[in-house]
Amino acid sequence: TFDEVLLCTPQTTAEQVELFLRRCLIPCSGGEKIYTMLY
């Protein structure tokens, strides 16, 4: 889903990466998602 993938570009902000990493690394009841940073 959209929250599991971050498509990076030179314009990707630190805030976007931070939100993504927090979803990935902070334990929650979201299940066994596999998070992916592309490029």
ModelCIF file with pLDDT and N, C-alpha, C, O atoms, coordinates in Angstrom:
data_MODEL
#
_entry.id   MODEL 
#
_entity.id                         1 
_entity.type                       polymer 
_entity.pdbx_number_of_molecules   1 
#
_entity_poly.entity_id                      1 
_entity_poly.type                           'polypeptide(L)' 
_entity_poly.nstd_linkage                   no 
_entity_poly.nstd_monomer                   no 
_entity_poly.pdbx_seq_one_letter_code       TFDEVLLCTPQTTAEQVELFLRRCLIPCSGGEKIYTMLY 
_entity_poly.pdbx_seq_one_letter_code_can   TFDEVLLCTPQTTAEQVELFLRRCLIPCSGGEKIYTMLY 
_entity_poly.pdbx_strand_id                 A 
#
loop_
_entity_poly_seq.entity_id 
_entity_poly_seq.num 
_entity_poly_seq.mon_id 
_entity_poly_seq.hetero 
1 1  THR n 
1 2  PHE n 
1 3  ASP n 
1 4  GLU n 
1 5  VAL n 
1 6  LEU n 
1 7  LEU n 
1 8  CYS n 
1 9  THR n 
1 10 PRO n 
1 11 GLN n 
1 12 THR n 
1 13 THR n 
1 14 ALA n 
1 15 GLU n 
1 16 GLN n 
1 17 VAL n 
1 18 GLU n 
1 19 LEU n 
1 20 PHE n 
1 21 LEU n 
1 22 ARG n 
1 23 ARG n 
1 24 CYS n 
1 25 LEU n 
1 26 ILE n 
1 27 PRO n 
1 28 CYS n 
1 29 SER n 
1 30 GLY n 
1 31 GLY n 
1 32 GLU n 
1 33 LYS n 
1 34 ILE n 
1 35 TYR n 
1 36 THR n 
1 37 MET n 
1 38 LEU n 
1 39 TYR n 
#
_struct_asym.id          A 
_struct_asym.entity_id   1 
#
loop_
_ma_qa_metric.id 
_ma_qa_metric.mode 
_ma_qa_metric.name 
_ma_qa_metric.software_group_id 
_ma_qa_metric.type 
1 global pLDDT . pLDDT 
2 local  pLDDT . pLDDT 
#
_ma_qa_metric_global.metric_id      1 
_ma_qa_metric_global.metric_value   88.05 
_ma_qa_metric_global.model_id       1 
_ma_qa_metric_global.ordinal_id     1 
#
loop_
_ma_qa_metric_local.label_asym_id 
_ma_qa_metric_local.label_comp_id 
_ma_qa_metric_local.label_seq_id 
_ma_qa_metric_local.metric_id 
_ma_qa_metric_local.metric_value 
_ma_qa_metric_local.model_id 
_ma_qa_metric_local.ordinal_id 
A THR 1  2 81.00 1 1  
A PHE 2  2 81.00 1 2  
A ASP 3  2 84.00 1 3  
A GLU 4  2 91.00 1 4  
A VAL 5  2 93.00 1 5  
A LEU 6  2 94.00 1 6  
A LEU 7  2 93.00 1 7  
A CYS 8  2 94.00 1 8  
A THR 9  2 94.00 1 9  
A PRO 10 2 94.00 1 10 
A GLN 11 2 95.00 1 11 
A THR 12 2 95.00 1 12 
A THR 13 2 96.00 1 13 
A ALA 14 2 96.00 1 14 
A GLU 15 2 96.00 1 15 
A GLN 16 2 96.00 1 16 
A VAL 17 2 96.00 1 17 
A GLU 18 2 96.00 1 18 
A LEU 19 2 94.00 1 19 
A PHE 20 2 94.00 1 20 
A LEU 21 2 94.00 1 21 
A ARG 22 2 92.00 1 22 
A ARG 23 2 90.00 1 23 
A CYS 24 2 90.00 1 24 
A LEU 25 2 89.00 1 25 
A ILE 26 2 86.00 1 26 
A PRO 27 2 79.00 1 27 
A CYS 28 2 74.00 1 28 
A SER 29 2 57.00 1 29 
A GLY 30 2 59.00 1 30 
A GLY 31 2 64.00 1 31 
A GLU 32 2 76.00 1 32 
A LYS 33 2 84.00 1 33 
A ILE 34 2 86.00 1 34 
A TYR 35 2 91.00 1 35 
A THR 36 2 92.00 1 36 
A MET 37 2 94.00 1 37 
A LEU 38 2 92.00 1 38 
A TYR 39 2 92.00 1 39 
#
loop_
_atom_site.group_PDB 
_atom_site.id 
_atom_site.type_symbol 
_atom_site.label_atom_id 
_atom_site.label_alt_id 
_atom_site.label_comp_id 
_atom_site.label_asym_id 
_atom_site.label_entity_id 
_atom_site.label_seq_id 
_atom_site.pdbx_PDB_ins_code 
_atom_site.Cartn_x 
_atom_site.Cartn_y 
_atom_site.Cartn_z 
_atom_site.occupancy 
_atom_site.B_iso_or_equiv 
_atom_site.pdbx_formal_charge 
_atom_site.auth_seq_id 
_atom_site.auth_comp_id 
_atom_site.auth_asym_id 
_atom_site.auth_atom_id 
_atom_site.pdbx_PDB_model_num 
ATOM 1   N N  . THR A 1 1  ? 0.836  -1.189 0.000  1.00 81.00 ? 1  THR A N  1 
ATOM 2   C CA . THR A 1 1  ? 0.000  0.000  0.000  1.00 81.00 ? 1  THR A CA 1 
ATOM 3   C C  . THR A 1 1  ? 0.878  1.249  0.000  1.00 81.00 ? 1  THR A C  1 
ATOM 4   O O  . THR A 1 1  ? 2.099  1.159  0.126  1.00 81.00 ? 1  THR A O  1 
ATOM 5   N N  . PHE A 1 2  ? 0.248  2.411  -0.142 1.00 81.00 ? 2  PHE A N  1 
ATOM 6   C CA . PHE A 1 2  ? 0.980  3.660  -0.257 1.00 81.00 ? 2  PHE A CA 1 
ATOM 7   C C  . PHE A 1 2  ? 1.858  3.942  0.960  1.00 81.00 ? 2  PHE A C  1 
ATOM 8   O O  . PHE A 1 2  ? 2.891  4.598  0.825  1.00 81.00 ? 2  PHE A O  1 
ATOM 9   N N  . ASP A 1 3  ? 1.479  3.468  2.129  1.00 84.00 ? 3  ASP A N  1 
ATOM 10  C CA . ASP A 1 3  ? 2.267  3.756  3.319  1.00 84.00 ? 3  ASP A CA 1 
ATOM 11  C C  . ASP A 1 3  ? 3.484  2.847  3.471  1.00 84.00 ? 3  ASP A C  1 
ATOM 12  O O  . ASP A 1 3  ? 4.325  3.085  4.338  1.00 84.00 ? 3  ASP A O  1 
ATOM 13  N N  . GLU A 1 4  ? 3.590  1.810  2.642  1.00 91.00 ? 4  GLU A N  1 
ATOM 14  C CA . GLU A 1 4  ? 4.697  0.862  2.737  1.00 91.00 ? 4  GLU A CA 1 
ATOM 15  C C  . GLU A 1 4  ? 5.829  1.154  1.758  1.00 91.00 ? 4  GLU A C  1 
ATOM 16  O O  . GLU A 1 4  ? 6.890  0.535  1.838  1.00 91.00 ? 4  GLU A O  1 
ATOM 17  N N  . VAL A 1 5  ? 5.617  2.084  0.842  1.00 93.00 ? 5  VAL A N  1 
ATOM 18  C CA . VAL A 1 5  ? 6.610  2.354  -0.203 1.00 93.00 ? 5  VAL A CA 1 
ATOM 19  C C  . VAL A 1 5  ? 6.910  3.848  -0.246 1.00 93.00 ? 5  VAL A C  1 
ATOM 20  O O  . VAL A 1 5  ? 5.994  4.670  -0.228 1.00 93.00 ? 5  VAL A O  1 
ATOM 21  N N  . LEU A 1 6  ? 8.190  4.197  -0.302 1.00 94.00 ? 6  LEU A N  1 
ATOM 22  C CA . LEU A 1 6  ? 8.604  5.578  -0.491 1.00 94.00 ? 6  LEU A CA 1 
ATOM 23  C C  . LEU A 1 6  ? 9.448  5.632  -1.755 1.00 94.00 ? 6  LEU A C  1 
ATOM 24  O O  . LEU A 1 6  ? 10.543 5.073  -1.807 1.00 94.00 ? 6  LEU A O  1 
ATOM 25  N N  . LEU A 1 7  ? 8.930  6.308  -2.768 1.00 93.00 ? 7  LEU A N  1 
ATOM 26  C CA . LEU A 1 7  ? 9.647  6.496  -4.027 1.00 93.00 ? 7  LEU A CA 1 
ATOM 27  C C  . LEU A 1 7  ? 10.467 7.764  -3.887 1.00 93.00 ? 7  LEU A C  1 
ATOM 28  O O  . LEU A 1 7  ? 9.914  8.864  -3.884 1.00 93.00 ? 7  LEU A O  1 
ATOM 29  N N  . CYS A 1 8  ? 11.771 7.625  -3.772 1.00 94.00 ? 8  CYS A N  1 
ATOM 30  C CA . CYS A 1 8  ? 12.655 8.759  -3.499 1.00 94.00 ? 8  CYS A CA 1 
ATOM 31  C C  . CYS A 1 8  ? 13.092 9.451  -4.787 1.00 94.00 ? 8  CYS A C  1 
ATOM 32  O O  . CYS A 1 8  ? 13.336 8.811  -5.810 1.00 94.00 ? 8  CYS A O  1 
ATOM 33  N N  . THR A 1 9  ? 13.180 10.765 -4.705 1.00 94.00 ? 9  THR A N  1 
ATOM 34  C CA . THR A 1 9  ? 13.715 11.603 -5.777 1.00 94.00 ? 9  THR A CA 1 
ATOM 35  C C  . THR A 1 9  ? 14.629 12.631 -5.118 1.00 94.00 ? 9  THR A C  1 
ATOM 36  O O  . THR A 1 9  ? 14.665 12.718 -3.890 1.00 94.00 ? 9  THR A O  1 
ATOM 37  N N  . PRO A 1 10 ? 15.358 13.401 -5.895 1.00 94.00 ? 10 PRO A N  1 
ATOM 38  C CA . PRO A 1 10 ? 16.166 14.466 -5.282 1.00 94.00 ? 10 PRO A CA 1 
ATOM 39  C C  . PRO A 1 10 ? 15.311 15.498 -4.528 1.00 94.00 ? 10 PRO A C  1 
ATOM 40  O O  . PRO A 1 10 ? 15.829 16.231 -3.686 1.00 94.00 ? 10 PRO A O  1 
ATOM 41  N N  . GLN A 1 11 ? 14.009 15.557 -4.825 1.00 95.00 ? 11 GLN A N  1 
ATOM 42  C CA . GLN A 1 11 ? 13.127 16.513 -4.165 1.00 95.00 ? 11 GLN A CA 1 
ATOM 43  C C  . GLN A 1 11 ? 12.454 15.935 -2.909 1.00 95.00 ? 11 GLN A C  1 
ATOM 44  O O  . GLN A 1 11 ? 11.718 16.652 -2.232 1.00 95.00 ? 11 GLN A O  1 
ATOM 45  N N  . THR A 1 12 ? 12.687 14.673 -2.589 1.00 95.00 ? 12 THR A N  1 
ATOM 46  C CA . THR A 1 12 ? 12.096 14.067 -1.396 1.00 95.00 ? 12 THR A CA 1 
ATOM 47  C C  . THR A 1 12 ? 12.633 14.797 -0.166 1.00 95.00 ? 12 THR A C  1 
ATOM 48  O O  . THR A 1 12 ? 13.839 15.001 -0.024 1.00 95.00 ? 12 THR A O  1 
ATOM 49  N N  . THR A 1 13 ? 11.714 15.185 0.719  1.00 96.00 ? 13 THR A N  1 
ATOM 50  C CA . THR A 1 13 ? 12.111 15.959 1.894  1.00 96.00 ? 13 THR A CA 1 
ATOM 51  C C  . THR A 1 13 ? 12.476 15.049 3.061  1.00 96.00 ? 13 THR A C  1 
ATOM 52  O O  . THR A 1 13 ? 12.129 13.868 3.093  1.00 96.00 ? 13 THR A O  1 
ATOM 53  N N  . ALA A 1 14 ? 13.186 15.637 4.016  1.00 96.00 ? 14 ALA A N  1 
ATOM 54  C CA . ALA A 1 14 ? 13.553 14.904 5.224  1.00 96.00 ? 14 ALA A CA 1 
ATOM 55  C C  . ALA A 1 14 ? 12.305 14.504 6.001  1.00 96.00 ? 14 ALA A C  1 
ATOM 56  O O  . ALA A 1 14 ? 12.276 13.444 6.626  1.00 96.00 ? 14 ALA A O  1 
ATOM 57  N N  . GLU A 1 15 ? 11.270 15.349 5.965  1.00 96.00 ? 15 GLU A N  1 
ATOM 58  C CA . GLU A 1 15 ? 10.032 15.039 6.672  1.00 96.00 ? 15 GLU A CA 1 
ATOM 59  C C  . GLU A 1 15 ? 9.346  13.815 6.076  1.00 96.00 ? 15 GLU A C  1 
ATOM 60  O O  . GLU A 1 15 ? 8.807  12.993 6.817  1.00 96.00 ? 15 GLU A O  1 
ATOM 61  N N  . GLN A 1 16 ? 9.356  13.682 4.766  1.00 96.00 ? 16 GLN A N  1 
ATOM 62  C CA . GLN A 1 16 ? 8.756  12.515 4.123  1.00 96.00 ? 16 GLN A CA 1 
ATOM 63  C C  . GLN A 1 16 ? 9.500  11.246 4.521  1.00 96.00 ? 16 GLN A C  1 
ATOM 64  O O  . GLN A 1 16 ? 8.881  10.223 4.815  1.00 96.00 ? 16 GLN A O  1 
ATOM 65  N N  . VAL A 1 17 ? 10.820 11.313 4.529  1.00 96.00 ? 17 VAL A N  1 
ATOM 66  C CA . VAL A 1 17 ? 11.627 10.151 4.914  1.00 96.00 ? 17 VAL A CA 1 
ATOM 67  C C  . VAL A 1 17 ? 11.404 9.834  6.388  1.00 96.00 ? 17 VAL A C  1 
ATOM 68  O O  . VAL A 1 17 ? 11.322 8.665  6.766  1.00 96.00 ? 17 VAL A O  1 
ATOM 69  N N  . GLU A 1 18 ? 11.305 10.862 7.219  1.00 96.00 ? 18 GLU A N  1 
ATOM 70  C CA . GLU A 1 18 ? 11.082 10.649 8.649  1.00 96.00 ? 18 GLU A CA 1 
ATOM 71  C C  . GLU A 1 18 ? 9.751  9.953  8.902  1.00 96.00 ? 18 GLU A C  1 
ATOM 72  O O  . GLU A 1 18 ? 9.691  8.995  9.672  1.00 96.00 ? 18 GLU A O  1 
ATOM 73  N N  . LEU A 1 19 ? 8.689  10.423 8.266  1.00 94.00 ? 19 LEU A N  1 
ATOM 74  C CA . LEU A 1 19 ? 7.384  9.775  8.436  1.00 94.00 ? 19 LEU A CA 1 
ATOM 75  C C  . LEU A 1 19 ? 7.438  8.313  8.017  1.00 94.00 ? 19 LEU A C  1 
ATOM 76  O O  . LEU A 1 19 ? 6.887  7.441  8.689  1.00 94.00 ? 19 LEU A O  1 
ATOM 77  N N  . PHE A 1 20 ? 8.107  8.058  6.901  1.00 94.00 ? 20 PHE A N  1 
ATOM 78  C CA . PHE A 1 20 ? 8.235  6.688  6.403  1.00 94.00 ? 20 PHE A CA 1 
ATOM 79  C C  . PHE A 1 20 ? 8.999  5.816  7.399  1.00 94.00 ? 20 PHE A C  1 
ATOM 80  O O  . PHE A 1 20 ? 8.553  4.718  7.732  1.00 94.00 ? 20 PHE A O  1 
ATOM 81  N N  . LEU A 1 21 ? 10.138 6.297  7.872  1.00 94.00 ? 21 LEU A N  1 
ATOM 82  C CA . LEU A 1 21 ? 10.944 5.506  8.803  1.00 94.00 ? 21 LEU A CA 1 
ATOM 83  C C  . LEU A 1 21 ? 10.223 5.282  10.129 1.00 94.00 ? 21 LEU A C  1 
ATOM 84  O O  . LEU A 1 21 ? 10.363 4.223  10.741 1.00 94.00 ? 21 LEU A O  1 
ATOM 85  N N  . ARG A 1 22 ? 9.463  6.261  10.569 1.00 92.00 ? 22 ARG A N  1 
ATOM 86  C CA . ARG A 1 22 ? 8.701  6.081  11.809 1.00 92.00 ? 22 ARG A CA 1 
ATOM 87  C C  . ARG A 1 22 ? 7.641  4.994  11.638 1.00 92.00 ? 22 ARG A C  1 
ATOM 88  O O  . ARG A 1 22 ? 7.433  4.183  12.540 1.00 92.00 ? 22 ARG A O  1 
ATOM 89  N N  . ARG A 1 23 ? 6.963  4.975  10.472 1.00 90.00 ? 23 ARG A N  1 
ATOM 90  C CA . ARG A 1 23 ? 5.978  3.909  10.227 1.00 90.00 ? 23 ARG A CA 1 
ATOM 91  C C  . ARG A 1 23 ? 6.662  2.545  10.240 1.00 90.00 ? 23 ARG A C  1 
ATOM 92  O O  . ARG A 1 23 ? 6.106  1.568  10.741 1.00 90.00 ? 23 ARG A O  1 
ATOM 93  N N  . CYS A 1 24 ? 7.862  2.489  9.690  1.00 90.00 ? 24 CYS A N  1 
ATOM 94  C CA . CYS A 1 24 ? 8.584  1.222  9.580  1.00 90.00 ? 24 CYS A CA 1 
ATOM 95  C C  . CYS A 1 24 ? 9.169  0.752  10.910 1.00 90.00 ? 24 CYS A C  1 
ATOM 96  O O  . CYS A 1 24 ? 9.098  -0.432 11.240 1.00 90.00 ? 24 CYS A O  1 
ATOM 97  N N  . LEU A 1 25 ? 9.741  1.671  11.664 1.00 89.00 ? 25 LEU A N  1 
ATOM 98  C CA . LEU A 1 25 ? 10.563 1.285  12.807 1.00 89.00 ? 25 LEU A CA 1 
ATOM 99  C C  . LEU A 1 25 ? 9.886  1.391  14.172 1.00 89.00 ? 25 LEU A C  1 
ATOM 100 O O  . LEU A 1 25 ? 10.407 0.865  15.156 1.00 89.00 ? 25 LEU A O  1 
ATOM 101 N N  . ILE A 1 26 ? 8.739  2.058  14.248 1.00 86.00 ? 26 ILE A N  1 
ATOM 102 C CA . ILE A 1 26 ? 8.051  2.136  15.534 1.00 86.00 ? 26 ILE A CA 1 
ATOM 103 C C  . ILE A 1 26 ? 7.011  1.030  15.579 1.00 86.00 ? 26 ILE A C  1 
ATOM 104 O O  . ILE A 1 26 ? 6.114  0.992  14.737 1.00 86.00 ? 26 ILE A O  1 
ATOM 105 N N  . PRO A 1 27 ? 7.118  0.122  16.557 1.00 79.00 ? 27 PRO A N  1 
ATOM 106 C CA . PRO A 1 27 ? 6.192  -1.018 16.615 1.00 79.00 ? 27 PRO A CA 1 
ATOM 107 C C  . PRO A 1 27 ? 4.743  -0.548 16.778 1.00 79.00 ? 27 PRO A C  1 
ATOM 108 O O  . PRO A 1 27 ? 4.447  0.354  17.562 1.00 79.00 ? 27 PRO A O  1 
ATOM 109 N N  . CYS A 1 28 ? 3.874  -1.169 16.034 1.00 74.00 ? 28 CYS A N  1 
ATOM 110 C CA . CYS A 1 28 ? 2.441  -0.894 16.159 1.00 74.00 ? 28 CYS A CA 1 
ATOM 111 C C  . CYS A 1 28 ? 1.694  -2.161 15.758 1.00 74.00 ? 28 CYS A C  1 
ATOM 112 O O  . CYS A 1 28 ? 2.309  -3.186 15.465 1.00 74.00 ? 28 CYS A O  1 
ATOM 113 N N  . SER A 1 29 ? 0.400  -2.088 15.746 1.00 57.00 ? 29 SER A N  1 
ATOM 114 C CA . SER A 1 29 ? -0.392 -3.276 15.418 1.00 57.00 ? 29 SER A CA 1 
ATOM 115 C C  . SER A 1 29 ? -0.674 -3.355 13.924 1.00 57.00 ? 29 SER A C  1 
ATOM 116 O O  . SER A 1 29 ? -1.689 -3.921 13.517 1.00 57.00 ? 29 SER A O  1 
ATOM 117 N N  . GLY A 1 30 ? 0.202  -2.802 13.111 1.00 59.00 ? 30 GLY A N  1 
ATOM 118 C CA . GLY A 1 30 ? -0.015 -2.775 11.667 1.00 59.00 ? 30 GLY A CA 1 
ATOM 119 C C  . GLY A 1 30 ? 0.247  -4.089 10.968 1.00 59.00 ? 30 GLY A C  1 
ATOM 120 O O  . GLY A 1 30 ? -0.011 -4.201 9.769  1.00 59.00 ? 30 GLY A O  1 
ATOM 121 N N  . GLY A 1 31 ? 0.743  -5.071 11.661 1.00 64.00 ? 31 GLY A N  1 
ATOM 122 C CA . GLY A 1 31 ? 0.987  -6.360 11.031 1.00 64.00 ? 31 GLY A CA 1 
ATOM 123 C C  . GLY A 1 31 ? 2.415  -6.511 10.567 1.00 64.00 ? 31 GLY A C  1 
ATOM 124 O O  . GLY A 1 31 ? 3.312  -5.811 11.037 1.00 64.00 ? 31 GLY A O  1 
ATOM 125 N N  . GLU A 1 32 ? 2.620  -7.423 9.645  1.00 76.00 ? 32 GLU A N  1 
ATOM 126 C CA . GLU A 1 32 ? 3.947  -7.786 9.165  1.00 76.00 ? 32 GLU A CA 1 
ATOM 127 C C  . GLU A 1 32 ? 4.244  -7.122 7.826  1.00 76.00 ? 32 GLU A C  1 
ATOM 128 O O  . GLU A 1 32 ? 4.528  -7.809 6.845  1.00 76.00 ? 32 GLU A O  1 
ATOM 129 N N  . LYS A 1 33 ? 4.181  -5.808 7.775  1.00 84.00 ? 33 LYS A N  1 
ATOM 130 C CA . LYS A 1 33 ? 4.419  -5.109 6.519  1.00 84.00 ? 33 LYS A CA 1 
ATOM 131 C C  . LYS A 1 33 ? 5.906  -5.096 6.185  1.00 84.00 ? 33 LYS A C  1 
ATOM 132 O O  . LYS A 1 33 ? 6.761  -5.107 7.070  1.00 84.00 ? 33 LYS A O  1 
ATOM 133 N N  . ILE A 1 34 ? 6.188  -5.072 4.897  1.00 86.00 ? 34 ILE A N  1 
ATOM 134 C CA . ILE A 1 34 ? 7.555  -4.925 4.417  1.00 86.00 ? 34 ILE A CA 1 
ATOM 135 C C  . ILE A 1 34 ? 7.651  -3.534 3.796  1.00 86.00 ? 34 ILE A C  1 
ATOM 136 O O  . ILE A 1 34 ? 7.009  -3.259 2.782  1.00 86.00 ? 34 ILE A O  1 
ATOM 137 N N  . TYR A 1 35 ? 8.443  -2.669 4.393  1.00 91.00 ? 35 TYR A N  1 
ATOM 138 C CA . TYR A 1 35 ? 8.587  -1.293 3.926  1.00 91.00 ? 35 TYR A CA 1 
ATOM 139 C C  . TYR A 1 35 ? 9.727  -1.217 2.921  1.00 91.00 ? 35 TYR A C  1 
ATOM 140 O O  . TYR A 1 35 ? 10.756 -1.874 3.082  1.00 91.00 ? 35 TYR A O  1 
ATOM 141 N N  . THR A 1 36 ? 9.535  -0.411 1.887  1.00 92.00 ? 36 THR A N  1 
ATOM 142 C CA . THR A 1 36 ? 10.512 -0.349 0.800  1.00 92.00 ? 36 THR A CA 1 
ATOM 143 C C  . THR A 1 36 ? 10.794 1.095  0.414  1.00 92.00 ? 36 THR A C  1 
ATOM 144 O O  . THR A 1 36 ? 9.878  1.867  0.132  1.00 92.00 ? 36 THR A O  1 
ATOM 145 N N  . MET A 1 37 ? 12.068 1.445  0.406  1.00 94.00 ? 37 MET A N  1 
ATOM 146 C CA . MET A 1 37 ? 12.510 2.744  -0.113 1.00 94.00 ? 37 MET A CA 1 
ATOM 147 C C  . MET A 1 37 ? 13.089 2.493  -1.501 1.00 94.00 ? 37 MET A C  1 
ATOM 148 O O  . MET A 1 37 ? 14.076 1.771  -1.643 1.00 94.00 ? 37 MET A O  1 
ATOM 149 N N  . LEU A 1 38 ? 12.483 3.080  -2.512 1.00 92.00 ? 38 LEU A N  1 
ATOM 150 C CA . LEU A 1 38 ? 12.949 2.921  -3.885 1.00 92.00 ? 38 LEU A CA 1 
ATOM 151 C C  . LEU A 1 38 ? 13.827 4.098  -4.273 1.00 92.00 ? 38 LEU A C  1 
ATOM 152 O O  . LEU A 1 38 ? 13.482 5.247  -3.997 1.00 92.00 ? 38 LEU A O  1 
ATOM 153 N N  . TYR A 1 39 ? 14.943 3.825  -4.903 1.00 92.00 ? 39 TYR A N  1 
ATOM 154 C CA . TYR A 1 39 ? 15.887 4.839  -5.377 1.00 92.00 ? 39 TYR A CA 1 
ATOM 155 C C  . TYR A 1 39 ? 16.364 5.746  -4.244 1.00 92.00 ? 39 TYR A C  1 
ATOM 156 O O  . TYR A 1 39 ? 17.163 6.654  -4.475 1.00 92.00 ? 39 TYR A O  1 
#
